[in-house]
PDB file of N, CA and C in Angstrom:
ATOM      1  N   MET A   1       0.840  -1.170   0.000  1.00  0.00           N
ATOM      2  CA  MET A   1       0.000   0.000   0.000  1.00  0.00           C
ATOM      3  C   MET A   1       0.890   1.239   0.000  1.00  0.00           C
ATOM      4  N   LEU A   2       0.506   2.209  -0.795  1.00  0.00           N
ATOM      5  CA  LEU A   2       1.245   3.466  -0.895  1.00  0.00           C
ATOM      6  C   LEU A   2       0.848   4.383   0.257  1.00  0.00           C
ATOM      7  N   VAL A   3       1.844   4.879   0.997  1.00  0.00           N
ATOM      8  CA  VAL A   3       1.582   5.828   2.086  1.00  0.00           C
ATOM      9  C   VAL A   3       2.484   7.041   1.905  1.00  0.00           C
ATOM     10  N   ARG A   4       1.950   8.189   2.251  1.00  0.00           N
ATOM     11  CA  ARG A   4       2.714   9.429   2.150  1.00  0.00           C
ATOM     12  C   ARG A   4       3.836   9.464   3.176  1.00  0.00           C
ATOM     13  N   TYR A   5       4.950  10.017   2.762  1.00  0.00           N
ATOM     14  CA  TYR A   5       6.095  10.187   3.650  1.00  0.00           C
ATOM     15  C   TYR A   5       5.723  11.105   4.813  1.00  0.00           C
ATOM     16  N   LYS A   6       6.160  10.711   5.999  1.00  0.00           N
ATOM     17  CA  LYS A   6       6.067  11.553   7.195  1.00  0.00           C
ATOM     18  C   LYS A   6       7.450  11.568   7.830  1.00  0.00           C
ATOM     19  N   LYS A   7       7.702  12.587   8.626  1.00  0.00           N
ATOM     20  CA  LYS A   7       9.019  12.778   9.256  1.00  0.00           C
ATOM     21  C   LYS A   7       9.478  11.531  10.024  1.00  0.00           C
ATOM     22  N   ASN A   8       8.543  10.802  10.657  1.00  0.00           N
ATOM     23  CA  ASN A   8       8.951   9.624  11.430  1.00  0.00           C
ATOM     24  C   ASN A   8       9.443   8.472  10.538  1.00  0.00           C
ATOM     25  N   PHE A   9       9.306   8.586   9.208  1.00  0.00           N
ATOM     26  CA  PHE A   9       9.845   7.601   8.266  1.00  0.00           C
ATOM     27  C   PHE A   9      11.216   8.024   7.724  1.00  0.00           C
ATOM     28  N   GLU A  10      11.791   9.105   8.256  1.00  0.00           N
ATOM     29  CA  GLU A  10      12.990   9.692   7.660  1.00  0.00           C
ATOM     30  C   GLU A  10      14.144   8.691   7.511  1.00  0.00           C
ATOM     31  N   LYS A  11      14.474   7.950   8.555  1.00  0.00           N
ATOM     32  CA  LYS A  11      15.600   7.010   8.490  1.00  0.00           C
ATOM     33  C   LYS A  11      15.339   5.897   7.479  1.00  0.00           C
ATOM     34  N   ILE A  12      14.130   5.369   7.466  1.00  0.00           N
ATOM     35  CA  ILE A  12      13.770   4.322   6.503  1.00  0.00           C
ATOM     36  C   ILE A  12      13.842   4.881   5.090  1.00  0.00           C
ATOM     37  N   ALA A  13      13.305   6.089   4.896  1.00  0.00           N
ATOM     38  CA  ALA A  13      13.315   6.724   3.576  1.00  0.00           C
ATOM     39  C   ALA A  13      14.746   6.948   3.097  1.00  0.00           C
ATOM     40  N   MET A  14      15.594   7.446   3.981  1.00  0.00           N
ATOM     41  CA  MET A  14      16.992   7.679   3.607  1.00  0.00           C
ATOM     42  C   MET A  14      17.689   6.360   3.266  1.00  0.00           C
ATOM     43  N   GLY A  15      17.401   5.323   4.017  1.00  0.00           N
ATOM     44  CA  GLY A  15      17.988   4.012   3.730  1.00  0.00           C
ATOM     45  C   GLY A  15      17.591   3.499   2.360  1.00  0.00           C
ATOM     46  N   LEU A  16      16.318   3.608   2.027  1.00  0.00           N
ATOM     47  CA  LEU A  16      15.848   3.143   0.719  1.00  0.00           C
ATOM     48  C   LEU A  16      16.390   4.011  -0.412  1.00  0.00           C
ATOM     49  N   LEU A  17      16.399   5.328  -0.213  1.00  0.00           N
ATOM     50  CA  LEU A  17      16.930   6.223  -1.245  1.00  0.00           C
ATOM     51  C   LEU A  17      18.421   5.994  -1.474  1.00  0.00           C
ATOM     52  N   SER A  18      19.134   5.552  -0.441  1.00  0.00           N
ATOM     53  CA  SER A  18      20.577   5.353  -0.569  1.00  0.00           C
ATOM     54  C   SER A  18      20.929   4.233  -1.555  1.00  0.00           C
ATOM     55  N   PHE A  19      19.962   3.397  -1.928  1.00  0.00           N
ATOM     56  CA  PHE A  19      20.214   2.355  -2.924  1.00  0.00           C
ATOM     57  C   PHE A  19      20.274   2.926  -4.333  1.00  0.00           C
ATOM     58  N   MET A  20      19.824   4.175  -4.517  1.00  0.00           N
ATOM     59  CA  MET A  20      19.910   4.814  -5.833  1.00  0.00           C
ATOM     60  C   MET A  20      21.340   5.309  -6.041  1.00  0.00           C
ATOM     61  N   PRO A  21      21.899   5.107  -7.229  1.00  0.00           N
ATOM     62  CA  PRO A  21      23.310   5.458  -7.472  1.00  0.00           C
ATOM     63  C   PRO A  21      23.687   6.900  -7.110  1.00  0.00           C
ATOM     64  N   ASP A  22      22.828   7.856  -7.384  1.00  0.00           N
ATOM     65  CA  ASP A  22      23.159   9.264  -7.128  1.00  0.00           C
ATOM     66  C   ASP A  22      22.881   9.700  -5.695  1.00  0.00           C
ATOM     67  N   GLU A  23      22.415   8.798  -4.851  1.00  0.00           N
ATOM     68  CA  GLU A  23      22.014   9.175  -3.490  1.00  0.00           C
ATOM     69  C   GLU A  23      22.863   8.482  -2.420  1.00  0.00           C
ATOM     70  N   LYS A  24      24.082   8.140  -2.741  1.00  0.00           N
ATOM     71  CA  LYS A  24      24.934   7.426  -1.781  1.00  0.00           C
ATOM     72  C   LYS A  24      25.462   8.333  -0.666  1.00  0.00           C
ATOM     73  N   ASP A  25      25.773   9.565  -1.000  1.00  0.00           N
ATOM     74  CA  ASP A  25      26.362  10.501  -0.050  1.00  0.00           C
ATOM     75  C   ASP A  25      25.334  10.974   0.984  1.00  0.00           C
ATOM     76  N   VAL A  26      25.695  10.950   2.263  1.00  0.00           N
ATOM     77  CA  VAL A  26      24.763  11.302   3.340  1.00  0.00           C
ATOM     78  C   VAL A  26      24.256  12.734   3.201  1.00  0.00           C
ATOM     79  N   LYS A  27      25.145  13.663   2.874  1.00  0.00           N
ATOM     80  CA  LYS A  27      24.721  15.060   2.727  1.00  0.00           C
ATOM     81  C   LYS A  27      23.731  15.214   1.573  1.00  0.00           C
ATOM     82  N   LYS A  28      23.961  14.498   0.479  1.00  0.00           N
ATOM     83  CA  LYS A  28      23.042  14.528  -0.670  1.00  0.00           C
ATOM     84  C   LYS A  28      21.695  13.933  -0.268  1.00  0.00           C
ATOM     85  N   LEU A  29      21.732  12.832   0.462  1.00  0.00           N
ATOM     86  CA  LEU A  29      20.496  12.197   0.946  1.00  0.00           C
ATOM     87  C   LEU A  29      19.699  13.146   1.840  1.00  0.00           C
ATOM     88  N   GLN A  30      20.387  13.808   2.764  1.00  0.00           N
ATOM     89  CA  GLN A  30      19.712  14.746   3.669  1.00  0.00           C
ATOM     90  C   GLN A  30      19.078  15.889   2.890  1.00  0.00           C
ATOM     91  N   LYS A  31      19.777  16.382   1.860  1.00  0.00           N
ATOM     92  CA  LYS A  31      19.223  17.454   1.029  1.00  0.00           C
ATOM     93  C   LYS A  31      17.987  16.956   0.273  1.00  0.00           C
ATOM     94  N   THR A  32      18.061  15.740  -0.269  1.00  0.00           N
ATOM     95  CA  THR A  32      16.918  15.173  -1.000  1.00  0.00           C
ATOM     96  C   THR A  32      15.700  15.059  -0.090  1.00  0.00           C
ATOM     97  N   ILE A  33      15.900  14.540   1.113  1.00  0.00           N
ATOM     98  CA  ILE A  33      14.785  14.411   2.070  1.00  0.00           C
ATOM     99  C   ILE A  33      14.214  15.792   2.397  1.00  0.00           C
ATOM    100  N   LYS A  34      15.071  16.765   2.642  1.00  0.00           N
ATOM    101  CA  LYS A  34      14.604  18.138   2.933  1.00  0.00           C
ATOM    102  C   LYS A  34      13.800  18.695   1.760  1.00  0.00           C
ATOM    103  N   ASP A  35      14.260  18.421   0.532  1.00  0.00           N
ATOM    104  CA  ASP A  35      13.508  18.875  -0.646  1.00  0.00           C
ATOM    105  C   ASP A  35      12.104  18.270  -0.655  1.00  0.00           C
ATOM    106  N   TYR A  36      12.000  16.978  -0.340  1.00  0.00           N
ATOM    107  CA  TYR A  36      10.679  16.340  -0.288  1.00  0.00           C
ATOM    108  C   TYR A  36       9.822  16.926   0.839  1.00  0.00           C
ATOM    109  N   GLU A  37      10.447  17.271   1.944  1.00  0.00           N
ATOM    110  CA  GLU A  37       9.695  17.828   3.074  1.00  0.00           C
ATOM    111  C   GLU A  37       9.238  19.263   2.817  1.00  0.00           C
ATOM    112  N   ASN A  38      10.045  20.040   2.092  1.00  0.00           N
ATOM    113  CA  ASN A  38       9.793  21.481   1.980  1.00  0.00           C
ATOM    114  C   ASN A  38       9.226  21.951   0.649  1.00  0.00           C
ATOM    115  N   ASN A  39       9.407  21.202  -0.413  1.00  0.00           N
ATOM    116  CA  ASN A  39       8.937  21.632  -1.724  1.00  0.00           C
ATOM    117  C   ASN A  39       7.542  21.054  -1.975  1.00  0.00           C
ATOM    118  N   PRO A  40       6.539  21.911  -2.127  1.00  0.00           N
ATOM    119  CA  PRO A  40       5.173  21.409  -2.314  1.00  0.00           C
ATOM    120  C   PRO A  40       4.978  20.645  -3.630  1.00  0.00           C
ATOM    121  N   ASP A  41       5.890  20.805  -4.581  1.00  0.00           N
ATOM    122  CA  ASP A  41       5.780  20.087  -5.854  1.00  0.00           C
ATOM    123  C   ASP A  41       6.450  18.715  -5.818  1.00  0.00           C
ATOM    124  N   TRP A  42       7.112  18.387  -4.706  1.00  0.00           N
ATOM    125  CA  TRP A  42       7.770  17.095  -4.558  1.00  0.00           C
ATOM    126  C   TRP A  42       6.967  16.249  -3.572  1.00  0.00           C
ATOM    127  N   ASN A  43       6.661  15.005  -3.945  1.00  0.00           N
ATOM    128  CA  ASN A  43       5.935  14.095  -3.060  1.00  0.00           C
ATOM    129  C   ASN A  43       6.668  12.767  -2.962  1.00  0.00           C
ATOM    130  N   LEU A  44       6.830  12.307  -1.735  1.00  0.00           N
ATOM    131  CA  LEU A  44       7.514  11.052  -1.468  1.00  0.00           C
ATOM    132  C   LEU A  44       6.509  10.074  -0.862  1.00  0.00           C
ATOM    133  N   PHE A  45       6.509   8.854  -1.398  1.00  0.00           N
ATOM    134  CA  PHE A  45       5.602   7.817  -0.919  1.00  0.00           C
ATOM    135  C   PHE A  45       6.402   6.574  -0.571  1.00  0.00           C
ATOM    136  N   LEU A  46       5.916   5.838   0.408  1.00  0.00           N
ATOM    137  CA  LEU A  46       6.535   4.575   0.791  1.00  0.00           C
ATOM    138  C   LEU A  46       5.565   3.450   0.475  1.00  0.00           C
ATOM    139  N   TRP A  47       6.114   2.304   0.121  1.00  0.00           N
ATOM    140  CA  TRP A  47       5.297   1.107  -0.123  1.00  0.00           C
ATOM    141  C   TRP A  47       5.387   0.257   1.128  1.00  0.00           C
ATOM    142  N   LYS A  48       4.234   0.064   1.762  1.00  0.00           N
ATOM    143  CA  LYS A  48       4.207  -0.585   3.069  1.00  0.00           C
ATOM    144  C   LYS A  48       3.288  -1.792   3.041  1.00  0.00           C
ATOM    145  N   LYS A  49       3.807  -2.912   3.460  1.00  0.00           N
ATOM    146  CA  LYS A  49       2.991  -4.087   3.783  1.00  0.00           C
ATOM    147  C   LYS A  49       3.028  -4.138   5.307  1.00  0.00           C
ATOM    148  N   GLU A  50       3.671  -5.168   5.891  1.00  0.00           N
ATOM    149  CA  GLU A  50       3.921  -5.110   7.334  1.00  0.00           C
ATOM    150  C   GLU A  50       5.055  -4.118   7.591  1.00  0.00           C
ATOM    151  N   ASP A  51       6.054  -4.162   6.717  1.00  0.00           N
ATOM    152  CA  ASP A  51       7.213  -3.271   6.790  1.00  0.00           C
ATOM    153  C   ASP A  51       7.231  -2.378   5.556  1.00  0.00           C
ATOM    154  N   VAL A  52       8.059  -1.357   5.593  1.00  0.00           N
ATOM    155  CA  VAL A  52       8.254  -0.514   4.423  1.00  0.00           C
ATOM    156  C   VAL A  52       9.212  -1.252   3.488  1.00  0.00           C
ATOM    157  N   LEU A  53       8.762  -1.504   2.255  1.00  0.00           N
ATOM    158  CA  LEU A  53       9.538  -2.303   1.309  1.00  0.00           C
ATOM    159  C   LEU A  53      10.118  -1.487   0.162  1.00  0.00           C
ATOM    160  N   GLY A  54       9.549  -0.310  -0.081  1.00  0.00           N
ATOM    161  CA  GLY A  54      10.009   0.488  -1.208  1.00  0.00           C
ATOM    162  C   GLY A  54       9.664   1.948  -1.028  1.00  0.00           C
ATOM    163  N   ILE A  55      10.205   2.760  -1.948  1.00  0.00           N
ATOM    164  CA  ILE A  55       9.975   4.198  -1.891  1.00  0.00           C
ATOM    165  C   ILE A  55       9.902   4.726  -3.321  1.00  0.00           C
ATOM    166  N   ILE A  56       9.038   5.702  -3.534  1.00  0.00           N
ATOM    167  CA  ILE A  56       8.929   6.348  -4.842  1.00  0.00           C
ATOM    168  C   ILE A  56       8.721   7.846  -4.617  1.00  0.00           C
ATOM    169  N   GLY A  57       9.506   8.631  -5.321  1.00  0.00           N
ATOM    170  CA  GLY A  57       9.432  10.081  -5.197  1.00  0.00           C
ATOM    171  C   GLY A  57       9.090  10.705  -6.530  1.00  0.00           C
ATOM    172  N   VAL A  58       8.151  11.643  -6.509  1.00  0.00           N
ATOM    173  CA  VAL A  58       7.708  12.294  -7.743  1.00  0.00           C
ATOM    174  C   VAL A  58       7.780  13.813  -7.608  1.00  0.00           C
ATOM    175  N   ARG A  59       7.843  14.449  -8.764  1.00  0.00           N
ATOM    176  CA  ARG A  59       7.865  15.909  -8.829  1.00  0.00           C
ATOM    177  C   ARG A  59       6.798  16.358  -9.814  1.00  0.00           C
ATOM    178  N   MET A  60       5.974  17.301  -9.370  1.00  0.00           N
ATOM    179  CA  MET A  60       4.988  17.899 -10.270  1.00  0.00           C
ATOM    180  C   MET A  60       5.746  18.865 -11.175  1.00  0.00           C
ATOM    181  N   GLU A  61       5.706  18.625 -12.472  1.00  0.00           N
ATOM    182  CA  GLU A  61       6.463  19.465 -13.383  1.00  0.00           C
ATOM    183  C   GLU A  61       5.602  20.608 -13.919  1.00  0.00           C
ATOM    184  N   ASP A  62       4.345  20.352 -14.155  1.00  0.00           N
ATOM    185  CA  ASP A  62       3.402  21.402 -14.523  1.00  0.00           C
ATOM    186  C   ASP A  62       2.019  20.917 -14.125  1.00  0.00           C
ATOM    187  N   ASP A  63       0.989  21.518 -14.649  1.00  0.00           N
ATOM    188  CA  ASP A  63      -0.372  21.168 -14.225  1.00  0.00           C
ATOM    189  C   ASP A  63      -0.778  19.735 -14.530  1.00  0.00           C
ATOM    190  N   LYS A  64      -0.116  19.111 -15.486  1.00  0.00           N
ATOM    191  CA  LYS A  64      -0.561  17.785 -15.920  1.00  0.00           C
ATOM    192  C   LYS A  64       0.538  16.727 -15.981  1.00  0.00           C
ATOM    193  N   LYS A  65       1.733  17.041 -15.505  1.00  0.00           N
ATOM    194  CA  LYS A  65       2.853  16.105 -15.639  1.00  0.00           C
ATOM    195  C   LYS A  65       3.481  15.809 -14.280  1.00  0.00           C
ATOM    196  N   VAL A  66       3.633  14.517 -13.992  1.00  0.00           N
ATOM    197  CA  VAL A  66       4.266  14.043 -12.761  1.00  0.00           C
ATOM    198  C   VAL A  66       5.478  13.202 -13.167  1.00  0.00           C
ATOM    199  N   VAL A  67       6.650  13.592 -12.674  1.00  0.00           N
ATOM    200  CA  VAL A  67       7.898  12.919 -13.036  1.00  0.00           C
ATOM    201  C   VAL A  67       8.375  12.045 -11.880  1.00  0.00           C
ATOM    202  N   ILE A  68       8.573  10.759 -12.153  1.00  0.00           N
ATOM    203  CA  ILE A  68       9.149   9.857 -11.155  1.00  0.00           C
ATOM    204  C   ILE A  68      10.650  10.142 -11.112  1.00  0.00           C
ATOM    205  N   GLN A  69      11.108  10.668  -9.981  1.00  0.00           N
ATOM    206  CA  GLN A  69      12.527  11.025  -9.893  1.00  0.00           C
ATOM    207  C   GLN A  69      13.323  10.109  -8.971  1.00  0.00           C
ATOM    208  N   HIS A  70      12.667   9.363  -8.128  1.00  0.00           N
ATOM    209  CA  HIS A  70      13.332   8.367  -7.281  1.00  0.00           C
ATOM    210  C   HIS A  70      12.434   7.138  -7.194  1.00  0.00           C
ATOM    211  N   ILE A  71      13.041   5.976  -7.243  1.00  0.00           N
ATOM    212  CA  ILE A  71      12.298   4.738  -6.992  1.00  0.00           C
ATOM    213  C   ILE A  71      13.306   3.695  -6.514  1.00  0.00           C
ATOM    214  N   SER A  72      12.965   3.020  -5.434  1.00  0.00           N
ATOM    215  CA  SER A  72      13.887   2.047  -4.853  1.00  0.00           C
ATOM    216  C   SER A  72      13.087   1.003  -4.074  1.00  0.00           C
ATOM    217  N   VAL A  73      13.560  -0.227  -4.148  1.00  0.00           N
ATOM    218  CA  VAL A  73      12.945  -1.335  -3.416  1.00  0.00           C
ATOM    219  C   VAL A  73      14.031  -1.974  -2.552  1.00  0.00           C
ATOM    220  N   ASN A  74      13.672  -2.323  -1.339  1.00  0.00           N
ATOM    221  CA  ASN A  74      14.581  -3.023  -0.440  1.00  0.00           C
ATOM    222  C   ASN A  74      15.159  -4.228  -1.189  1.00  0.00           C
ATOM    223  N   PRO A  75      16.492  -4.386  -1.200  1.00  0.00           N
ATOM    224  CA  PRO A  75      17.108  -5.479  -1.976  1.00  0.00           C
ATOM    225  C   PRO A  75      16.555  -6.868  -1.653  1.00  0.00           C
ATOM    226  N   SER A  76      16.171  -7.120  -0.429  1.00  0.00           N
ATOM    227  CA  SER A  76      15.654  -8.451  -0.091  1.00  0.00           C
ATOM    228  C   SER A  76      14.226  -8.673  -0.585  1.00  0.00           C
ATOM    229  N   HIS A  77      13.609  -7.635  -1.171  1.00  0.00           N
ATOM    230  CA  HIS A  77      12.246  -7.775  -1.693  1.00  0.00           C
ATOM    231  C   HIS A  77      12.161  -7.451  -3.180  1.00  0.00           C
ATOM    232  N   ARG A  78      13.294  -7.435  -3.854  1.00  0.00           N
ATOM    233  CA  ARG A  78      13.306  -7.128  -5.288  1.00  0.00           C
ATOM    234  C   ARG A  78      12.812  -8.310  -6.101  1.00  0.00           C
ATOM    235  N   ASN A  79      12.457  -8.034  -7.344  1.00  0.00           N
ATOM    236  CA  ASN A  79      11.968  -9.032  -8.303  1.00  0.00           C
ATOM    237  C   ASN A  79      10.649  -9.665  -7.855  1.00  0.00           C
ATOM    238  N   GLN A  80       9.849  -8.887  -7.127  1.00  0.00           N
ATOM    239  CA  GLN A  80       8.528  -9.339  -6.701  1.00  0.00           C
ATOM    240  C   GLN A  80       7.425  -8.427  -7.242  1.00  0.00           C
ATOM    241  N   GLY A  81       7.800  -7.488  -8.118  1.00  0.00           N
ATOM    242  CA  GLY A  81       6.808  -6.595  -8.715  1.00  0.00           C
ATOM    243  C   GLY A  81       6.462  -5.382  -7.870  1.00  0.00           C
ATOM    244  N   ILE A  82       7.220  -5.126  -6.808  1.00  0.00           N
ATOM    245  CA  ILE A  82       6.905  -3.997  -5.921  1.00  0.00           C
ATOM    246  C   ILE A  82       7.097  -2.668  -6.640  1.00  0.00           C
ATOM    247  N   GLY A  83       8.171  -2.548  -7.413  1.00  0.00           N
ATOM    248  CA  GLY A  83       8.400  -1.312  -8.167  1.00  0.00           C
ATOM    249  C   GLY A  83       7.238  -1.011  -9.106  1.00  0.00           C
ATOM    250  N   ARG A  84       6.798  -2.030  -9.838  1.00  0.00           N
ATOM    251  CA  ARG A  84       5.657  -1.868 -10.750  1.00  0.00           C
ATOM    252  C   ARG A  84       4.396  -1.476  -9.981  1.00  0.00           C
ATOM    253  N   LYS A  85       4.189  -2.114  -8.826  1.00  0.00           N
ATOM    254  CA  LYS A  85       3.010  -1.785  -8.011  1.00  0.00           C
ATOM    255  C   LYS A  85       3.067  -0.339  -7.528  1.00  0.00           C
ATOM    256  N   MET A  86       4.267   0.135  -7.169  1.00  0.00           N
ATOM    257  CA  MET A  86       4.393   1.528  -6.738  1.00  0.00           C
ATOM    258  C   MET A  86       4.071   2.480  -7.881  1.00  0.00           C
ATOM    259  N   ILE A  87       4.574   2.171  -9.078  1.00  0.00           N
ATOM    260  CA  ILE A  87       4.285   3.018 -10.241  1.00  0.00           C
ATOM    261  C   ILE A  87       2.784   3.039 -10.523  1.00  0.00           C
ATOM    262  N   GLU A  88       2.151   1.883 -10.498  1.00  0.00           N
ATOM    263  CA  GLU A  88       0.702   1.806 -10.719  1.00  0.00           C
ATOM    264  C   GLU A  88      -0.068   2.585  -9.642  1.00  0.00           C
ATOM    265  N   ALA A  89       0.382   2.483  -8.393  1.00  0.00           N
ATOM    266  CA  ALA A  89      -0.284   3.191  -7.298  1.00  0.00           C
ATOM    267  C   ALA A  89      -0.150   4.703  -7.456  1.00  0.00           C
ATOM    268  N   VAL A  90       1.005   5.164  -7.936  1.00  0.00           N
ATOM    269  CA  VAL A  90       1.187   6.599  -8.189  1.00  0.00           C
ATOM    270  C   VAL A  90       0.248   7.044  -9.308  1.00  0.00           C
ATOM    271  N   LYS A  91       0.140   6.227 -10.354  1.00  0.00           N
ATOM    272  CA  LYS A  91      -0.788   6.546 -11.453  1.00  0.00           C
ATOM    273  C   LYS A  91      -2.218   6.651 -10.928  1.00  0.00           C
ATOM    274  N   ASP A  92      -2.608   5.713 -10.077  1.00  0.00           N
ATOM    275  CA  ASP A  92      -3.948   5.745  -9.478  1.00  0.00           C
ATOM    276  C   ASP A  92      -4.121   6.967  -8.583  1.00  0.00           C
ATOM    277  N   PHE A  93      -3.094   7.307  -7.811  1.00  0.00           N
ATOM    278  CA  PHE A  93      -3.154   8.439  -6.890  1.00  0.00           C
ATOM    279  C   PHE A  93      -3.411   9.744  -7.641  1.00  0.00           C
ATOM    280  N   TYR A  94      -2.686   9.942  -8.744  1.00  0.00           N
ATOM    281  CA  TYR A  94      -2.815  11.193  -9.494  1.00  0.00           C
ATOM    282  C   TYR A  94      -3.964  11.169 -10.499  1.00  0.00           C
ATOM    283  N   GLY A  95      -4.407  10.005 -10.905  1.00  0.00           N
ATOM    284  CA  GLY A  95      -5.538   9.911 -11.804  1.00  0.00           C
ATOM    285  C   GLY A  95      -5.163  10.086 -13.266  1.00  0.00           C
ATOM    286  N   GLU A  96      -6.147   9.889 -14.106  1.00  0.00           N
ATOM    287  CA  GLU A  96      -5.942   9.897 -15.556  1.00  0.00           C
ATOM    288  C   GLU A  96      -5.627  11.272 -16.125  1.00  0.00           C
ATOM    289  N   GLU A  97      -5.946  12.334 -15.386  1.00  0.00           N
ATOM    290  CA  GLU A  97      -5.682  13.670 -15.925  1.00  0.00           C
ATOM    291  C   GLU A  97      -4.202  14.043 -15.884  1.00  0.00           C
ATOM    292  N   TYR A  98      -3.376  13.217 -15.238  1.00  0.00           N
ATOM    293  CA  TYR A  98      -1.936  13.472 -15.166  1.00  0.00           C
ATOM    294  C   TYR A  98      -1.172  12.467 -16.026  1.00  0.00           C
ATOM    295  N   VAL A  99      -0.105  12.942 -16.629  1.00  0.00           N
ATOM    296  CA  VAL A  99       0.824  12.076 -17.351  1.00  0.00           C
ATOM    297  C   VAL A  99       1.950  11.738 -16.372  1.00  0.00           C
ATOM    298  N   ILE A 100       2.175  10.453 -16.167  1.00  0.00           N
ATOM    299  CA  ILE A 100       3.248  10.003 -15.280  1.00  0.00           C
ATOM    300  C   ILE A 100       4.415   9.580 -16.172  1.00  0.00           C
ATOM    301  N   CYS A 101       5.581  10.151 -15.932  1.00  0.00           N
ATOM    302  CA  CYS A 101       6.747   9.801 -16.733  1.00  0.00           C
ATOM    303  C   CYS A 101       7.968   9.688 -15.824  1.00  0.00           C
ATOM    304  N   ALA A 102       9.070   9.256 -16.399  1.00  0.00           N
ATOM    305  CA  ALA A 102      10.303   9.065 -15.633  1.00  0.00           C
ATOM    306  C   ALA A 102      11.314  10.146 -15.998  1.00  0.00           C
ATOM    307  N   ASN A 103      12.285  10.351 -15.111  1.00  0.00           N
ATOM    308  CA  ASN A 103      13.413  11.209 -15.461  1.00  0.00           C
ATOM    309  C   ASN A 103      14.555  10.307 -15.930  1.00  0.00           C
ATOM    310  N   GLU A 104      15.713  10.895 -16.220  1.00  0.00           N
ATOM    311  CA  GLU A 104      16.835  10.101 -16.739  1.00  0.00           C
ATOM    312  C   GLU A 104      17.339   9.077 -15.726  1.00  0.00           C
ATOM    313  N   LYS A 105      17.149   9.317 -14.434  1.00  0.00           N
ATOM    314  CA  LYS A 105      17.626   8.384 -13.409  1.00  0.00           C
ATOM    315  C   LYS A 105      16.707   7.185 -13.243  1.00  0.00           C
ATOM    316  N   THR A 106      15.420   7.365 -13.506  1.00  0.00           N
ATOM    317  CA  THR A 106      14.454   6.293 -13.264  1.00  0.00           C
ATOM    318  C   THR A 106      13.903   5.678 -14.545  1.00  0.00           C
ATOM    319  N   GLU A 107      14.274   6.241 -15.691  1.00  0.00           N
ATOM    320  CA  GLU A 107      13.683   5.816 -16.960  1.00  0.00           C
ATOM    321  C   GLU A 107      13.875   4.330 -17.257  1.00  0.00           C
ATOM    322  N   SER A 108      15.086   3.810 -17.079  1.00  0.00           N
ATOM    323  CA  SER A 108      15.317   2.398 -17.409  1.00  0.00           C
ATOM    324  C   SER A 108      14.504   1.485 -16.499  1.00  0.00           C
ATOM    325  N   PHE A 109      14.408   1.832 -15.213  1.00  0.00           N
ATOM    326  CA  PHE A 109      13.627   1.014 -14.280  1.00  0.00           C
ATOM    327  C   PHE A 109      12.142   1.040 -14.661  1.00  0.00           C
ATOM    328  N   VAL A 110      11.626   2.220 -14.957  1.00  0.00           N
ATOM    329  CA  VAL A 110      10.203   2.359 -15.296  1.00  0.00           C
ATOM    330  C   VAL A 110       9.890   1.592 -16.586  1.00  0.00           C
ATOM    331  N   LYS A 111      10.762   1.712 -17.605  1.00  0.00           N
ATOM    332  CA  LYS A 111      10.542   0.976 -18.862  1.00  0.00           C
ATOM    333  C   LYS A 111      10.569  -0.527 -18.622  1.00  0.00           C
ATOM    334  N   LYS A 112      11.546  -0.990 -17.842  1.00  0.00           N
ATOM    335  CA  LYS A 112      11.656  -2.421 -17.537  1.00  0.00           C
ATOM    336  C   LYS A 112      10.405  -2.900 -16.799  1.00  0.00           C
ATOM    337  N   SER A 113       9.945  -2.095 -15.875  1.00  0.00           N
ATOM    338  CA  SER A 113       8.761  -2.430 -15.100  1.00  0.00           C
ATOM    339  C   SER A 113       7.527  -2.543 -16.001  1.00  0.00           C
ATOM    340  N   GLU A 114       7.403  -1.610 -16.930  1.00  0.00           N
ATOM    341  CA  GLU A 114       6.247  -1.640 -17.840  1.00  0.00           C
ATOM    342  C   GLU A 114       6.335  -2.823 -18.803  1.00  0.00           C
ATOM    343  N   GLN A 115       7.540  -3.179 -19.254  1.00  0.00           N
ATOM    344  CA  GLN A 115       7.702  -4.340 -20.130  1.00  0.00           C
ATOM    345  C   GLN A 115       7.357  -5.624 -19.399  1.00  0.00           C
ATOM    346  N   ASN A 116       7.816  -5.745 -18.163  1.00  0.00           N
ATOM    347  CA  ASN A 116       7.516  -6.950 -17.373  1.00  0.00           C
ATOM    348  C   ASN A 116       6.025  -7.071 -17.114  1.00  0.00           C
ATOM    349  N   HIS A 117       5.357  -5.934 -16.955  1.00  0.00           N
ATOM    350  CA  HIS A 117       3.911  -5.932 -16.719  1.00  0.00           C
ATOM    351  C   HIS A 117       3.166  -6.393 -17.984  1.00  0.00           C
ATOM    352  N   ALA A 118       3.696  -6.049 -19.153  1.00  0.00           N
ATOM    353  CA  ALA A 118       3.048  -6.411 -20.414  1.00  0.00           C
ATOM    354  C   ALA A 118       3.228  -7.885 -20.738  1.00  0.00           C
ATOM    355  N   ASP A 119       4.285  -8.501 -20.214  1.00  0.00           N
ATOM    356  CA  ASP A 119       4.570  -9.924 -20.525  1.00  0.00           C
ATOM    357  C   ASP A 119       3.557 -10.854 -19.921  1.00  0.00           C
TER     358      ASP A 119
END
């Protein structure tokens, strides 16, 4: 289930984001989290079953475009379709009036996820 980021998820969120290649540095991670907390156009969501298994971060680019800029799944829960489920949940959250797309950092993951869903 997709849940909105709250401050009490900060350590878990930072841990999941740290699996992204550009988010290894602690100072960069802290800045990214602050951007999600302070920028109204940035939204961070966690994928939660019993535990938090994944994270997806989006940025509103204009009135109708939502860009997936971060996506990460706990390594011990990968290859179970969680990334695809998070993308689908974001699409459902924003509705059909929004175009959901990827940035250069998440594009290959999103394309792979959509191909696996089509198979």
